[in-house]
Every structure is written in C-alpha cells, then in structure tokens.
Protein backbone atom coordinates (compact mmCIF):
# COMPACT_ATOMS: atom_id res chain seq x y z
CA MET A 1 -16.08 30.86 -56.82
CA ARG A 2 -14.00 28.31 -58.02
CA TRP A 3 -10.95 29.92 -57.18
CA THR A 4 -12.09 30.60 -53.77
CA LYS A 5 -12.99 27.46 -52.99
CA LEU A 6 -9.98 25.86 -54.06
CA CYS A 7 -7.41 28.67 -51.52
CA ALA A 8 -10.26 27.76 -49.08
CA ALA A 9 -9.58 24.46 -49.55
CA ALA A 10 -5.76 24.36 -49.65
CA VAL A 11 -5.69 26.78 -46.85
CA SER A 12 -7.87 24.08 -44.73
CA ALA A 13 -5.15 21.36 -45.76
CA ALA A 14 -2.54 23.43 -44.67
CA ALA A 15 -4.57 23.92 -41.05
CA LEU A 16 -4.86 20.46 -40.80
CA SER A 17 -1.40 19.72 -41.41
CA VAL A 18 -0.44 22.31 -38.59
CA LEU A 19 -2.88 20.71 -35.97
CA VAL A 20 -1.96 16.81 -37.14
CA ALA A 21 1.89 17.97 -36.67
CA ALA A 22 1.79 20.08 -33.39
CA PRO A 23 0.48 16.97 -30.79
CA THR A 24 2.60 14.65 -32.81
CA ALA A 25 5.71 17.22 -31.49
CA ALA A 26 4.23 18.29 -28.33
CA THR A 27 3.90 14.38 -27.46
CA ALA A 28 7.16 13.06 -28.12
CA PRO A 29 8.73 11.19 -25.68
CA ARG A 30 10.99 12.91 -22.89
CA ASP A 31 13.81 11.53 -20.88
CA GLU A 32 13.10 10.66 -17.63
CA PRO A 33 15.66 12.87 -15.42
CA ALA A 34 18.12 10.69 -13.93
CA CYS A 35 17.71 8.49 -10.86
CA THR A 36 20.18 9.44 -7.91
CA SER A 37 18.94 8.63 -4.86
CA ASP A 38 21.61 6.77 -2.44
CA THR A 39 21.72 3.98 -1.21
CA GLY A 40 18.54 3.18 1.41
CA PRO A 41 17.69 1.14 4.64
CA TYR A 42 15.98 -1.34 2.32
CA GLN A 43 17.97 -1.84 -0.27
CA ARG A 44 18.69 -5.55 -0.27
CA GLU A 45 15.26 -6.29 0.41
CA LEU A 46 14.37 -4.33 -2.94
CA GLU A 47 16.74 -5.96 -4.19
CA LYS A 48 15.79 -9.28 -3.61
CA GLU A 49 12.27 -8.69 -4.59
CA LEU A 50 12.84 -7.02 -7.55
CA GLN A 51 15.64 -10.13 -8.29
CA LEU A 52 18.37 -7.93 -9.41
CA GLU A 53 22.21 -8.48 -8.05
CA VAL A 54 21.82 -8.45 -3.91
CA ASP A 55 24.56 -6.25 -2.67
CA GLY A 56 22.50 -4.12 -0.49
CA ARG A 57 24.34 -1.30 -2.39
CA GLN A 58 22.46 0.96 -4.85
CA SER A 59 23.36 1.28 -8.76
CA PRO A 60 21.62 3.25 -11.23
CA GLU A 61 20.13 -0.15 -12.50
CA ASP A 62 18.85 -0.69 -9.02
CA CYS A 63 17.11 2.73 -8.98
CA ALA A 64 15.48 3.24 -12.05
CA ALA A 65 14.13 -0.67 -11.14
CA ILE A 66 12.95 0.41 -7.39
CA SER A 67 11.45 4.66 -9.25
CA ALA A 68 9.20 1.90 -11.53
CA LEU A 69 8.34 -0.33 -9.06
CA GLN A 70 6.99 2.86 -7.07
CA ARG A 71 5.42 4.60 -9.75
CA ARG A 72 3.39 0.86 -10.25
CA LEU A 73 2.21 1.22 -6.71
CA ASP A 74 1.29 4.70 -6.72
CA ILE A 75 3.90 5.23 -4.43
CA HIS A 76 5.28 9.40 -4.20
CA PRO A 77 7.75 10.91 -4.89
CA PRO A 78 8.92 7.57 -7.26
CA ASP A 79 12.66 8.77 -6.41
CA GLY A 80 14.03 5.08 -6.42
CA TYR A 81 15.17 5.26 -2.87
CA ALA A 82 14.70 2.23 -0.83
CA ASP A 83 12.71 2.52 2.33
CA LEU A 84 10.53 0.85 4.46
CA MET A 85 7.36 2.11 2.67
CA THR A 86 8.36 1.12 -0.46
CA TYR A 87 9.24 -2.09 1.08
CA ARG A 88 6.33 -2.97 2.47
CA TYR A 89 3.97 -2.05 -0.30
CA ALA A 90 6.46 -4.62 -2.28
CA LEU A 91 5.40 -7.01 0.15
CA ALA A 92 1.30 -6.36 0.39
CA ASP A 93 1.10 -6.69 -3.58
CA ARG A 94 3.15 -9.93 -3.72
CA VAL A 95 1.32 -11.18 -1.21
CA GLY A 96 -2.05 -10.37 -3.04
CA ARG A 97 -0.92 -11.70 -6.13
CA ASP A 98 0.36 -15.37 -4.77
CA SER A 99 -1.84 -16.96 -2.59
CA ALA A 100 1.08 -19.87 -1.16
CA GLU A 101 2.45 -16.05 0.65
CA ARG A 102 -1.19 -16.20 2.80
CA ARG A 103 -0.95 -19.72 3.96
CA ASP A 104 -0.15 -18.88 7.48
CA CYS A 105 -4.00 -17.32 8.02
CA PRO A 106 -6.44 -19.74 8.20
CA THR A 107 -9.02 -20.77 5.72
CA ARG A 108 -12.47 -20.84 6.21
CA THR A 109 -15.88 -20.72 4.67
CA TYR A 110 -16.42 -17.21 6.61
CA ARG A 111 -14.47 -14.22 6.41
CA VAL A 112 -11.60 -14.04 8.43
CA THR A 113 -9.29 -10.60 8.78
CA CYS A 114 -5.58 -11.46 8.62
CA VAL A 115 -3.35 -9.63 10.99
CA ASP A 116 0.81 -10.71 9.44
CA LEU A 117 2.12 -9.12 12.53
CA ASN A 118 6.44 -10.45 10.88
CA ARG A 119 5.75 -8.70 7.83
CA GLN A 120 3.27 -6.07 9.00
CA LEU A 121 0.40 -6.16 6.63
CA LEU A 122 -3.92 -7.07 6.76
CA TRP A 123 -5.93 -8.69 4.41
CA VAL A 124 -9.47 -10.16 4.40
CA GLN A 125 -9.92 -13.50 2.82
CA LYS A 126 -12.99 -15.67 2.90
CA GLY A 127 -12.01 -19.51 1.68
CA GLY A 128 -9.31 -19.02 -1.14
CA ARG A 129 -10.42 -15.97 -2.29
CA LEU A 130 -9.50 -12.25 -1.33
CA VAL A 131 -11.76 -10.08 -0.60
CA PHE A 132 -9.72 -7.07 1.04
CA ALA A 133 -6.60 -7.02 -0.67
CA PRO A 134 -3.19 -6.81 1.37
CA VAL A 135 -2.36 -3.69 3.19
CA PRO A 136 0.63 -2.31 5.52
CA VAL A 137 -0.46 -1.31 8.84
CA ARG A 138 1.53 -0.60 12.13
CA THR A 139 0.83 -2.59 15.20
CA GLY A 140 1.51 -2.51 18.76
CA ARG A 141 5.14 -1.65 20.21
CA GLU A 142 7.63 -2.92 22.26
CA GLY A 143 5.58 -3.73 25.79
CA LEU A 144 2.48 -2.81 23.78
CA GLU A 145 1.94 -5.40 21.64
CA THR A 146 -0.84 -6.39 19.48
CA ARG A 147 -2.37 -9.69 20.70
CA VAL A 148 -2.19 -12.99 18.62
CA GLY A 149 -4.72 -15.81 18.49
CA TRP A 150 -8.23 -15.82 17.09
CA HIS A 151 -10.60 -13.21 17.91
CA ARG A 152 -14.05 -11.50 17.19
CA ILE A 153 -15.19 -7.57 16.59
CA TYR A 154 -17.65 -7.26 19.34
CA TRP A 155 -17.96 -3.20 18.94
CA ARG A 156 -17.28 -0.57 16.24
CA ASN A 157 -17.57 3.43 16.31
CA ARG A 158 -17.04 5.14 13.34
CA ASP A 159 -16.33 8.27 15.24
CA HIS A 160 -14.41 6.65 18.18
CA HIS A 161 -11.98 8.90 19.96
CA SER A 162 -9.58 7.47 22.59
CA THR A 163 -9.48 8.83 25.94
CA ILE A 164 -6.48 7.26 27.59
CA TYR A 165 -4.36 8.20 24.89
CA ASP A 166 -6.79 11.54 23.56
CA VAL A 167 -6.36 10.50 19.79
CA PRO A 168 -8.99 9.72 16.89
CA MET A 169 -9.60 6.30 16.36
CA PRO A 170 -11.68 6.69 12.49
CA TYR A 171 -13.57 3.74 11.70
CA ALA A 172 -12.60 1.79 14.98
CA GLN A 173 -13.58 -1.42 15.24
CA PHE A 174 -12.53 -3.31 18.52
CA PHE A 175 -12.31 -7.20 18.96
CA ASP A 176 -10.04 -7.41 22.52
CA GLY A 177 -9.97 -4.90 25.32
CA GLY A 178 -9.02 -1.70 24.44
CA GLN A 179 -7.08 -3.10 21.11
CA ALA A 180 -9.13 -2.21 17.75
CA LEU A 181 -8.36 -1.94 13.95
CA HIS A 182 -8.60 1.86 12.94
CA GLY A 183 -7.21 4.79 10.83
CA THR A 184 -4.59 7.03 11.91
CA ASP A 185 -3.40 10.06 9.90
CA GLU A 186 0.19 9.20 11.33
CA ASP A 187 2.92 7.38 9.63
CA LEU A 188 2.10 3.69 9.60
CA PHE A 189 6.20 3.06 9.11
CA THR A 190 7.73 4.23 12.14
CA SER A 191 6.93 3.59 15.63
CA GLY A 192 4.47 1.24 16.45
CA SER A 193 0.78 1.91 18.36
CA ALA A 194 -0.01 1.12 21.67
CA GLY A 195 -1.33 -2.07 20.78
CA CYS A 196 -3.89 -0.98 18.15
CA VAL A 197 -3.76 -2.15 14.50
CA ASN A 198 -3.42 1.22 12.52
CA LEU A 199 -4.31 1.52 8.85
CA THR A 200 -4.84 4.77 6.51
CA GLU A 201 -8.04 6.36 6.60
CA GLU A 202 -8.72 5.51 3.15
CA ASP A 203 -7.89 1.43 3.84
CA ALA A 204 -10.10 1.91 7.35
CA LYS A 205 -13.17 2.95 5.84
CA THR A 206 -12.81 0.54 3.75
CA LEU A 207 -12.58 -2.27 6.19
CA TRP A 208 -15.56 -0.80 7.98
CA ASP A 209 -17.80 -0.67 5.30
CA LEU A 210 -16.91 -4.64 4.67
CA LEU A 211 -16.69 -6.10 8.25
CA ARG A 212 -19.46 -6.28 10.85
CA GLU A 213 -19.34 -7.40 14.53
CA ASP A 214 -19.18 -10.86 15.36
CA ASP A 215 -16.77 -11.42 12.39
CA GLN A 216 -13.38 -13.13 13.11
CA LEU A 217 -9.66 -12.24 13.00
CA TYR A 218 -6.35 -14.08 13.24
CA ILE A 219 -3.44 -12.58 14.28
CA TRP A 220 0.61 -14.26 14.32
CA GLY A 221 3.55 -13.45 14.55
CA ALA A 222 5.96 -10.47 15.97
CA LYS A 223 6.44 -7.52 14.94
CA PRO A 224 9.79 -6.05 14.19
CA GLY A 225 11.74 -5.18 16.63
CA THR A 226 9.56 -6.27 19.35
CA GLY A 227 9.53 -9.32 22.08
CA GLY A 228 6.32 -11.18 20.21
C-alpha cells in the first residue's frame, strides 16, 4: 500500500513537471516578422510624430516604430506603412492627450462639439474636460465644404436616408441645412463628403447617445485640398 502511494506520488510529480514545463515552452516569445513596408505618403509626418529622424524615407527602425504605434492604436494591419489613416489616428491620439492642441475650439460651461477641418478631427468638450475623445472624420469636398462657425443641432434622425444622394445616414444629427453629423461605412480617408461630417458608425452612435437637440457645434479651418 505504501509503495502504491509513493508510486502514485512520483507519477503525480512527474505529470506536474510536464504540465508546468509545457506552457513555458508553448508561451516562449516568438520573433516578430521583419517589418518590410515601403515608404508611405505620410512618412515625414509620422516620423515627426514619433520623434524619428525626419528624412521621408522608410527605414527598418521607422517601420518598427510605426507598426508599434498601429498596434497601440488598434489599427489593422499593423504593417508599419505610413498612410493617412495611421497619421489621422496618431493626430487624434495627440490631441486627446494634450489640451493645448484643442485651444482653437472655444471653451464653454456647456458641451461644445468641436470640428477641426484642418486636421479632420472631431471631439466634444465641456469646460476644459473632454467628454468625447478626438476621432477622425471626413468633411465636405471642394465646392461642397462643411460650413464653418457656430451651429446647433436642430433635428436628429437615427435611421435617416438621404433623398438627394440616395445613401444611408445613420445617427444623423443636423446642424445647418442638409449638413449633419452622421455615420458611414465608406472610407473616411479618401475624397470627401457632400458637406456632412462623416464618422464611423460606431463613433456616430456614441455621439448620438451623448448629444441632444440644441447642443452647440463649433467648426473651423479648411479641409486639406479645398478652398475652405
């Protein structure tokens, strides 16, 4: 009987050593694949954001740093390519962390939705506090620019459909004529809207849940590539 117990104990100890060893081997760190993306159109801008040598040429170090940034910002794939999407999300991240970057939007005791056409970003602040962190947007293209200045939300329609352009406008919040904040499943980083402020549907829903009729917007600047 005692031998049986000792044998069982030995077997248990051996099994335990296998169980302990196996996860260690299985979770051993693996080498990351080499970053091989070419120079991107926003190479200089992202080199500056990441405090790298600003020469406009992709290097292995640049590629690795941009890839790490993309992983931190949950951008897929994190391939290290310096594209507009990565640059805009990097801008949004910086503006969210640095209140000085938000100084062009007036500070009020009430909620103000800030639309920065220059950087194609939107956020909401109340006093000096962010209540909706900066996100990339797409605003009006040349000839159909989003109108600047103070506005107020005068009508909201969760499931709006444009009769002019025959496109869905989910979570639409109208602020000036036919111009509205609304979601889209189109690419935010190409072309421009017909004057509306486009967001991802997820961001548009969050903004819908936050804002109400008569909330104030302040819009300034000019979308890159337009006359303002």
